Amino acid sequence: MDTDLSPDQKPLDWNTRMEIAAGAARGLEYLHVKMKPPVIYRDLKCSNILLGEGYHARLSDFGLARVGPSGDKTHVSTRVMGTYGYCAPDYAMTGQLTFKSDIYSLGVVLLELITGRKAVDYSKDRNEQYLVAWARPLFKDRRNFSQMVDPLLQGQYPMKGLYQALAVAAMCVQEQPNMRPAISDVVMALNYLTVQKYDPNNSAQSSRRSMTLSPGKGRVADRVKGF
């Protein structure tokens, strides 16, 4: 999936963006939970998400994938590989690869889908070049949320759905890996968002509600439904 648009392309609508995010998450869930032995993808990024008919998302390029830890092991020690901007900071600093490394990358992809920004963009001002670093302070105040949405959506998105999607992204890109949710919870949350279709004729979907995106623990799917 390429986030750059040619002049003859229309921007993806909100519903399609959530479908893509959910599809990517389901791909990770298959690798983390259903594969035997389980696999860490290690290179989740927009360009490794292929879109089929109906924008059905599939993961591609498994060249960096590694079999995950087994038994009592919590991580796999390996040379740091992946793509700058998507790589979890804990993995980049220690070389200790975990399933939560993929969760961080998924959070970056979700942020890209919401904001229309790239994970790293050196054409922007210095304090806006790194997507996660730019987004983190904005998560703290709901008055910032509308500033985070891709302007190409032209206001065509559900306000509650935006809060919920940002909540998922915020939890996925936590600096501490143990604060990131499990992939099955992320899938549940994103699947929930895909069935909450945005209807531009439904004014109730634009209602605002006071909230902040504090990390906290608990099932991400349950937290999202409560927003």
C-alpha atoms as a PDB file:
ATOM      1  CA  MET A   1       0.000   0.000   0.000  1.00  0.00           C
ATOM      2  CA  ASP A   2       1.446   3.354  -1.063  1.00  0.00           C
ATOM      3  CA  THR A   3       0.221   6.447   0.768  1.00  0.00           C
ATOM      4  CA  ASP A   4       1.258   8.794  -2.069  1.00  0.00           C
ATOM      5  CA  LEU A   5      -1.444   9.742  -4.570  1.00  0.00           C
ATOM      6  CA  SER A   6      -1.081  10.399  -8.267  1.00  0.00           C
ATOM      7  CA  PRO A   7      -3.167  13.275  -9.696  1.00  0.00           C
ATOM      8  CA  ASP A   8      -5.810  10.884 -11.049  1.00  0.00           C
ATOM      9  CA  GLN A   9      -6.284   8.968  -7.783  1.00  0.00           C
ATOM     10  CA  LYS A  10      -8.902   9.671  -5.154  1.00  0.00           C
ATOM     11  CA  PRO A  11      -7.957   9.486  -1.473  1.00  0.00           C
ATOM     12  CA  LEU A  12      -9.141   6.433   0.426  1.00  0.00           C
ATOM     13  CA  ASP A  13     -12.280   7.061   2.445  1.00  0.00           C
ATOM     14  CA  TRP A  14     -12.467   6.475   6.190  1.00  0.00           C
ATOM     15  CA  ASN A  15     -14.246   3.110   5.982  1.00  0.00           C
ATOM     16  CA  THR A  16     -11.670   1.743   3.540  1.00  0.00           C
ATOM     17  CA  ARG A  17      -8.788   2.877   5.738  1.00  0.00           C
ATOM     18  CA  MET A  18     -10.210   1.031   8.713  1.00  0.00           C
ATOM     19  CA  GLU A  19     -10.750  -2.087   6.572  1.00  0.00           C
ATOM     20  CA  ILE A  20      -7.093  -1.979   5.514  1.00  0.00           C
ATOM     21  CA  ALA A  21      -5.908  -1.592   9.109  1.00  0.00           C
ATOM     22  CA  ALA A  22      -8.095  -4.498  10.237  1.00  0.00           C
ATOM     23  CA  GLY A  23      -6.856  -6.661   7.358  1.00  0.00           C
ATOM     24  CA  ALA A  24      -3.223  -6.007   8.248  1.00  0.00           C
ATOM     25  CA  ALA A  25      -3.966  -6.817  11.888  1.00  0.00           C
ATOM     26  CA  ARG A  26      -5.637 -10.086  10.920  1.00  0.00           C
ATOM     27  CA  GLY A  27      -2.521 -10.974   8.926  1.00  0.00           C
ATOM     28  CA  LEU A  28      -0.385 -10.456  12.013  1.00  0.00           C
ATOM     29  CA  GLU A  29      -2.844 -12.441  14.123  1.00  0.00           C
ATOM     30  CA  TYR A  30      -2.456 -15.388  11.758  1.00  0.00           C
ATOM     31  CA  LEU A  31       1.329 -15.230  12.123  1.00  0.00           C
ATOM     32  CA  HIS A  32       1.341 -14.683  15.898  1.00  0.00           C
ATOM     33  CA  VAL A  33      -1.459 -16.994  16.952  1.00  0.00           C
ATOM     34  CA  LYS A  34      -2.407 -19.479  14.244  1.00  0.00           C
ATOM     35  CA  MET A  35       0.972 -20.353  12.763  1.00  0.00           C
ATOM     36  CA  LYS A  36       2.734 -23.282  14.416  1.00  0.00           C
ATOM     37  CA  PRO A  37       5.361 -22.301  15.412  1.00  0.00           C
ATOM     38  CA  PRO A  38       4.308 -18.639  15.646  1.00  0.00           C
ATOM     39  CA  VAL A  39       6.135 -16.089  13.511  1.00  0.00           C
ATOM     40  CA  ILE A  40       7.197 -12.475  14.048  1.00  0.00           C
ATOM     41  CA  TYR A  41       6.792 -10.539  10.806  1.00  0.00           C
ATOM     42  CA  ARG A  42       9.438  -7.890  11.653  1.00  0.00           C
ATOM     43  CA  ASP A  43       8.843  -5.606   8.657  1.00  0.00           C
ATOM     44  CA  LEU A  44       5.253  -4.381   8.752  1.00  0.00           C
ATOM     45  CA  LYS A  45       4.930  -1.150   6.769  1.00  0.00           C
ATOM     46  CA  CYS A  46       2.549   0.331   4.241  1.00  0.00           C
ATOM     47  CA  SER A  47       4.587  -0.808   1.241  1.00  0.00           C
ATOM     48  CA  ASN A  48       4.351  -4.431   2.436  1.00  0.00           C
ATOM     49  CA  ILE A  49       0.552  -4.371   2.494  1.00  0.00           C
ATOM     50  CA  LEU A  50      -0.947  -5.482  -0.806  1.00  0.00           C
ATOM     51  CA  LEU A  51      -4.498  -4.434  -1.649  1.00  0.00           C
ATOM     52  CA  GLY A  52      -6.637  -6.864  -3.622  1.00  0.00           C
ATOM     53  CA  GLU A  53     -10.150  -6.565  -4.943  1.00  0.00           C
ATOM     54  CA  GLY A  54     -12.338  -4.562  -2.586  1.00  0.00           C
ATOM     55  CA  TYR A  55      -9.184  -3.254  -0.887  1.00  0.00           C
ATOM     56  CA  HIS A  56      -8.683  -6.581   0.852  1.00  0.00           C
ATOM     57  CA  ALA A  57      -5.324  -6.254   2.627  1.00  0.00           C
ATOM     58  CA  ARG A  58      -2.658  -8.958   2.547  1.00  0.00           C
ATOM     59  CA  LEU A  59       0.842  -8.976   3.996  1.00  0.00           C
ATOM     60  CA  SER A  60       3.702  -9.523   1.566  1.00  0.00           C
ATOM     61  CA  ASP A  61       7.502  -9.933   1.634  1.00  0.00           C
ATOM     62  CA  PHE A  62       8.286 -12.295   4.487  1.00  0.00           C
ATOM     63  CA  GLY A  63      12.049 -12.049   3.990  1.00  0.00           C
ATOM     64  CA  LEU A  64      12.692 -10.673   7.486  1.00  0.00           C
ATOM     65  CA  ALA A  65      10.184 -12.878   9.327  1.00  0.00           C
ATOM     66  CA  ARG A  66      11.511 -14.902  12.240  1.00  0.00           C
ATOM     67  CA  VAL A  67      10.121 -17.772  14.270  1.00  0.00           C
ATOM     68  CA  GLY A  68       9.054 -16.309  17.594  1.00  0.00           C
ATOM     69  CA  PRO A  69      10.203 -17.249  21.098  1.00  0.00           C
ATOM     70  CA  SER A  70       8.976 -20.528  22.525  1.00  0.00           C
ATOM     71  CA  GLY A  71       8.654 -22.053  25.959  1.00  0.00           C
ATOM     72  CA  ASP A  72       9.802 -19.710  28.721  1.00  0.00           C
ATOM     73  CA  LYS A  73      11.615 -17.391  26.327  1.00  0.00           C
ATOM     74  CA  THR A  74      10.279 -13.865  25.962  1.00  0.00           C
ATOM     75  CA  HIS A  75      12.242 -12.751  22.933  1.00  0.00           C
ATOM     76  CA  VAL A  76      14.495 -13.712  20.060  1.00  0.00           C
ATOM     77  CA  SER A  77      17.922 -12.071  19.991  1.00  0.00           C
ATOM     78  CA  THR A  78      18.801 -11.023  16.467  1.00  0.00           C
ATOM     79  CA  ARG A  79      20.525  -8.375  14.423  1.00  0.00           C
ATOM     80  CA  VAL A  80      18.276  -5.342  14.188  1.00  0.00           C
ATOM     81  CA  MET A  81      16.552  -5.277  10.824  1.00  0.00           C
ATOM     82  CA  GLY A  82      13.391  -3.657   9.513  1.00  0.00           C
ATOM     83  CA  THR A  83      12.433  -0.201   8.297  1.00  0.00           C
ATOM     84  CA  TYR A  84      13.275   3.019  10.104  1.00  0.00           C
ATOM     85  CA  GLY A  85      10.167   4.696  11.463  1.00  0.00           C
ATOM     86  CA  TYR A  86       8.291   1.412  11.869  1.00  0.00           C
ATOM     87  CA  CYS A  87      10.828  -0.405  14.040  1.00  0.00           C
ATOM     88  CA  ALA A  88       9.934  -0.637  17.734  1.00  0.00           C
ATOM     89  CA  PRO A  89      12.377   1.371  19.890  1.00  0.00           C
ATOM     90  CA  ASP A  90      12.940  -1.504  22.318  1.00  0.00           C
ATOM     91  CA  TYR A  91      13.958  -3.814  19.466  1.00  0.00           C
ATOM     92  CA  ALA A  92      16.143  -1.143  17.842  1.00  0.00           C
ATOM     93  CA  MET A  93      18.003  -0.535  21.110  1.00  0.00           C
ATOM     94  CA  THR A  94      18.443  -4.106  22.361  1.00  0.00           C
ATOM     95  CA  GLY A  95      18.078  -6.454  19.387  1.00  0.00           C
ATOM     96  CA  GLN A  96      15.473  -8.350  21.420  1.00  0.00           C
ATOM     97  CA  LEU A  97      12.667  -9.168  19.002  1.00  0.00           C
ATOM     98  CA  THR A  98       9.198  -9.905  20.420  1.00  0.00           C
ATOM     99  CA  PHE A  99       5.657 -10.183  19.111  1.00  0.00           C
ATOM    100  CA  LYS A 100       5.088  -6.715  20.582  1.00  0.00           C
ATOM    101  CA  SER A 101       7.623  -5.388  18.048  1.00  0.00           C
ATOM    102  CA  ASP A 102       5.060  -6.119  15.333  1.00  0.00           C
ATOM    103  CA  ILE A 103       2.345  -4.406  17.388  1.00  0.00           C
ATOM    104  CA  TYR A 104       4.367  -1.185  17.409  1.00  0.00           C
ATOM    105  CA  SER A 105       4.751  -1.331  13.615  1.00  0.00           C
ATOM    106  CA  LEU A 106       1.014  -1.897  13.243  1.00  0.00           C
ATOM    107  CA  GLY A 107       0.386   1.213  15.329  1.00  0.00           C
ATOM    108  CA  VAL A 108       2.565   3.235  12.973  1.00  0.00           C
ATOM    109  CA  VAL A 109       0.659   1.913   9.950  1.00  0.00           C
ATOM    110  CA  LEU A 110      -2.643   2.807  11.621  1.00  0.00           C
ATOM    111  CA  LEU A 111      -1.355   6.309  12.311  1.00  0.00           C
ATOM    112  CA  GLU A 112      -0.376   6.664   8.663  1.00  0.00           C
ATOM    113  CA  LEU A 113      -3.876   5.648   7.601  1.00  0.00           C
ATOM    114  CA  ILE A 114      -5.492   8.134  10.002  1.00  0.00           C
ATOM    115  CA  THR A 115      -3.182  11.077   9.372  1.00  0.00           C
ATOM    116  CA  GLY A 116      -2.123  10.612   5.751  1.00  0.00           C
ATOM    117  CA  ARG A 117       1.459  11.222   6.915  1.00  0.00           C
ATOM    118  CA  LYS A 118       4.505   9.043   6.341  1.00  0.00           C
ATOM    119  CA  ALA A 119       6.300   7.249   9.166  1.00  0.00           C
ATOM    120  CA  VAL A 120       9.336   9.399   8.375  1.00  0.00           C
ATOM    121  CA  ASP A 121       9.139  12.508   6.200  1.00  0.00           C
ATOM    122  CA  TYR A 122      12.219  14.707   5.995  1.00  0.00           C
ATOM    123  CA  SER A 123      10.357  17.286   3.922  1.00  0.00           C
ATOM    124  CA  LYS A 124       8.497  18.405   7.035  1.00  0.00           C
ATOM    125  CA  ASP A 125       9.702  20.648   9.838  1.00  0.00           C
ATOM    126  CA  ARG A 126      12.164  18.988  12.190  1.00  0.00           C
ATOM    127  CA  ASN A 127       9.612  18.398  14.976  1.00  0.00           C
ATOM    128  CA  GLU A 128       7.178  16.770  12.530  1.00  0.00           C
ATOM    129  CA  GLN A 129       9.511  14.447  10.622  1.00  0.00           C
ATOM    130  CA  TYR A 130       8.873  11.350  12.747  1.00  0.00           C
ATOM    131  CA  LEU A 131       5.207  10.391  12.853  1.00  0.00           C
ATOM    132  CA  VAL A 132       5.115   8.747  16.282  1.00  0.00           C
ATOM    133  CA  ALA A 133       7.115  11.546  17.933  1.00  0.00           C
ATOM    134  CA  TRP A 134       4.765  14.092  16.366  1.00  0.00           C
ATOM    135  CA  ALA A 135       1.632  12.200  17.435  1.00  0.00           C
ATOM    136  CA  ARG A 136       2.486  11.363  21.049  1.00  0.00           C
ATOM    137  CA  PRO A 137       1.981  14.844  22.553  1.00  0.00           C
ATOM    138  CA  LEU A 138      -1.189  15.289  20.504  1.00  0.00           C
ATOM    139  CA  PHE A 139      -2.716  12.141  22.010  1.00  0.00           C
ATOM    140  CA  LYS A 140      -2.974  13.921  25.370  1.00  0.00           C
ATOM    141  CA  ASP A 141      -5.739  16.369  24.478  1.00  0.00           C
ATOM    142  CA  ARG A 142      -8.887  15.681  22.451  1.00  0.00           C
ATOM    143  CA  ARG A 143      -8.780  19.223  21.081  1.00  0.00           C
ATOM    144  CA  ASN A 144      -5.808  18.102  19.006  1.00  0.00           C
ATOM    145  CA  PHE A 145      -7.521  15.109  17.413  1.00  0.00           C
ATOM    146  CA  SER A 146      -9.020  16.933  14.457  1.00  0.00           C
ATOM    147  CA  GLN A 147      -5.526  18.244  13.639  1.00  0.00           C
ATOM    148  CA  MET A 148      -4.296  14.667  13.277  1.00  0.00           C
ATOM    149  CA  VAL A 149      -6.728  13.576  10.571  1.00  0.00           C
ATOM    150  CA  ASP A 150      -5.684  13.436   6.937  1.00  0.00           C
ATOM    151  CA  PRO A 151      -6.926  16.702   5.404  1.00  0.00           C
ATOM    152  CA  LEU A 152      -7.756  14.782   2.216  1.00  0.00           C
ATOM    153  CA  LEU A 153     -10.692  13.238   4.104  1.00  0.00           C
ATOM    154  CA  GLN A 154     -12.233  16.737   4.136  1.00  0.00           C
ATOM    155  CA  GLY A 155     -14.074  16.081   7.379  1.00  0.00           C
ATOM    156  CA  GLN A 156     -15.680  12.878   6.090  1.00  0.00           C
ATOM    157  CA  TYR A 157     -15.050  10.685   9.118  1.00  0.00           C
ATOM    158  CA  PRO A 158     -16.906   9.788  12.342  1.00  0.00           C
ATOM    159  CA  MET A 159     -15.624  11.757  15.330  1.00  0.00           C
ATOM    160  CA  LYS A 160     -16.198   8.837  17.688  1.00  0.00           C
ATOM    161  CA  GLY A 161     -14.506   6.475  15.244  1.00  0.00           C
ATOM    162  CA  LEU A 162     -11.527   8.840  15.094  1.00  0.00           C
ATOM    163  CA  TYR A 163     -11.213   8.779  18.893  1.00  0.00           C
ATOM    164  CA  GLN A 164     -11.391   4.999  18.879  1.00  0.00           C
ATOM    165  CA  ALA A 165      -8.856   4.551  16.077  1.00  0.00           C
ATOM    166  CA  LEU A 166      -6.440   6.949  17.765  1.00  0.00           C
ATOM    167  CA  ALA A 167      -6.876   5.023  21.013  1.00  0.00           C
ATOM    168  CA  VAL A 168      -5.783   1.804  19.292  1.00  0.00           C
ATOM    169  CA  ALA A 169      -2.825   3.517  17.636  1.00  0.00           C
ATOM    170  CA  ALA A 170      -1.756   5.181  20.898  1.00  0.00           C
ATOM    171  CA  MET A 171      -1.726   1.862  22.745  1.00  0.00           C
ATOM    172  CA  CYS A 172       0.161   0.094  19.956  1.00  0.00           C
ATOM    173  CA  VAL A 173       3.016   2.628  19.871  1.00  0.00           C
ATOM    174  CA  GLN A 174       3.679   2.662  23.605  1.00  0.00           C
ATOM    175  CA  GLU A 175       7.412   2.810  24.270  1.00  0.00           C
ATOM    176  CA  GLN A 176       7.273  -0.066  26.749  1.00  0.00           C
ATOM    177  CA  PRO A 177       6.423  -3.331  24.950  1.00  0.00           C
ATOM    178  CA  ASN A 178       4.472  -4.749  27.906  1.00  0.00           C
ATOM    179  CA  MET A 179       2.077  -1.783  27.605  1.00  0.00           C
ATOM    180  CA  ARG A 180       1.161  -2.687  24.025  1.00  0.00           C
ATOM    181  CA  PRO A 181      -1.918  -4.876  23.519  1.00  0.00           C
ATOM    182  CA  ALA A 182      -1.915  -8.420  22.195  1.00  0.00           C
ATOM    183  CA  ILE A 183      -2.695  -8.811  18.513  1.00  0.00           C
ATOM    184  CA  SER A 184      -6.003 -10.601  19.150  1.00  0.00           C
ATOM    185  CA  ASP A 185      -7.272  -7.592  21.116  1.00  0.00           C
ATOM    186  CA  VAL A 186      -6.154  -5.220  18.361  1.00  0.00           C
ATOM    187  CA  VAL A 187      -7.998  -7.324  15.782  1.00  0.00           C
ATOM    188  CA  MET A 188     -11.172  -7.229  17.887  1.00  0.00           C
ATOM    189  CA  ALA A 189     -10.928  -3.450  18.224  1.00  0.00           C
ATOM    190  CA  LEU A 190     -10.284  -2.823  14.532  1.00  0.00           C
ATOM    191  CA  ASN A 191     -12.991  -5.271  13.469  1.00  0.00           C
ATOM    192  CA  TYR A 192     -15.352  -3.290  15.689  1.00  0.00           C
ATOM    193  CA  LEU A 193     -14.349  -0.097  13.884  1.00  0.00           C
ATOM    194  CA  THR A 194     -14.959  -1.656  10.466  1.00  0.00           C
ATOM    195  CA  VAL A 195     -18.590  -2.412  11.304  1.00  0.00           C
ATOM    196  CA  GLN A 196     -19.146   1.139  12.570  1.00  0.00           C
ATOM    197  CA  LYS A 197     -19.460   2.466   9.028  1.00  0.00           C
ATOM    198  CA  TYR A 198     -19.218   6.186   8.483  1.00  0.00           C
ATOM    199  CA  ASP A 199     -22.344   7.623   6.951  1.00  0.00           C
ATOM    200  CA  PRO A 200     -21.980  11.285   5.920  1.00  0.00           C
ATOM    201  CA  ASN A 201     -25.757  11.680   6.279  1.00  0.00           C
ATOM    202  CA  ASN A 202     -25.718  10.680   9.948  1.00  0.00           C
ATOM    203  CA  SER A 203     -24.922  13.819  11.926  1.00  0.00           C
ATOM    204  CA  ALA A 204     -24.828  11.858  15.202  1.00  0.00           C
ATOM    205  CA  GLN A 205     -21.536  10.315  14.134  1.00  0.00           C
ATOM    206  CA  SER A 206     -19.854  13.687  14.471  1.00  0.00           C
ATOM    207  CA  SER A 207     -20.693  14.057  18.159  1.00  0.00           C
ATOM    208  CA  ARG A 208     -17.797  14.995  20.408  1.00  0.00           C
ATOM    209  CA  ARG A 209     -16.934  13.532  23.767  1.00  0.00           C
ATOM    210  CA  SER A 210     -14.305  14.616  26.259  1.00  0.00           C
ATOM    211  CA  MET A 211     -11.534  12.068  26.672  1.00  0.00           C
ATOM    212  CA  THR A 212      -7.801  11.544  26.643  1.00  0.00           C
ATOM    213  CA  LEU A 213      -5.800   8.555  25.445  1.00  0.00           C
ATOM    214  CA  SER A 214      -3.963   7.487  28.567  1.00  0.00           C
ATOM    215  CA  PRO A 215      -2.210   4.135  28.071  1.00  0.00           C
ATOM    216  CA  GLY A 216      -3.541   1.984  30.910  1.00  0.00           C
ATOM    217  CA  LYS A 217      -4.031  -1.771  30.780  1.00  0.00           C
ATOM    218  CA  GLY A 218      -6.983  -3.971  30.005  1.00  0.00           C
ATOM    219  CA  ARG A 219      -8.470  -5.260  26.786  1.00  0.00           C
ATOM    220  CA  VAL A 220      -8.036  -2.698  24.066  1.00  0.00           C
ATOM    221  CA  ALA A 221     -11.253  -3.838  22.373  1.00  0.00           C
ATOM    222  CA  ASP A 222     -13.261  -3.167  25.528  1.00  0.00           C
ATOM    223  CA  ARG A 223     -11.658   0.241  26.019  1.00  0.00           C
ATOM    224  CA  VAL A 224     -12.398   1.251  22.455  1.00  0.00           C
ATOM    225  CA  LYS A 225     -16.075   0.287  22.691  1.00  0.00           C
ATOM    226  CA  GLY A 226     -16.410   2.483  25.758  1.00  0.00           C
ATOM    227  CA  PHE A 227     -15.267   5.657  24.033  1.00  0.00           C
END
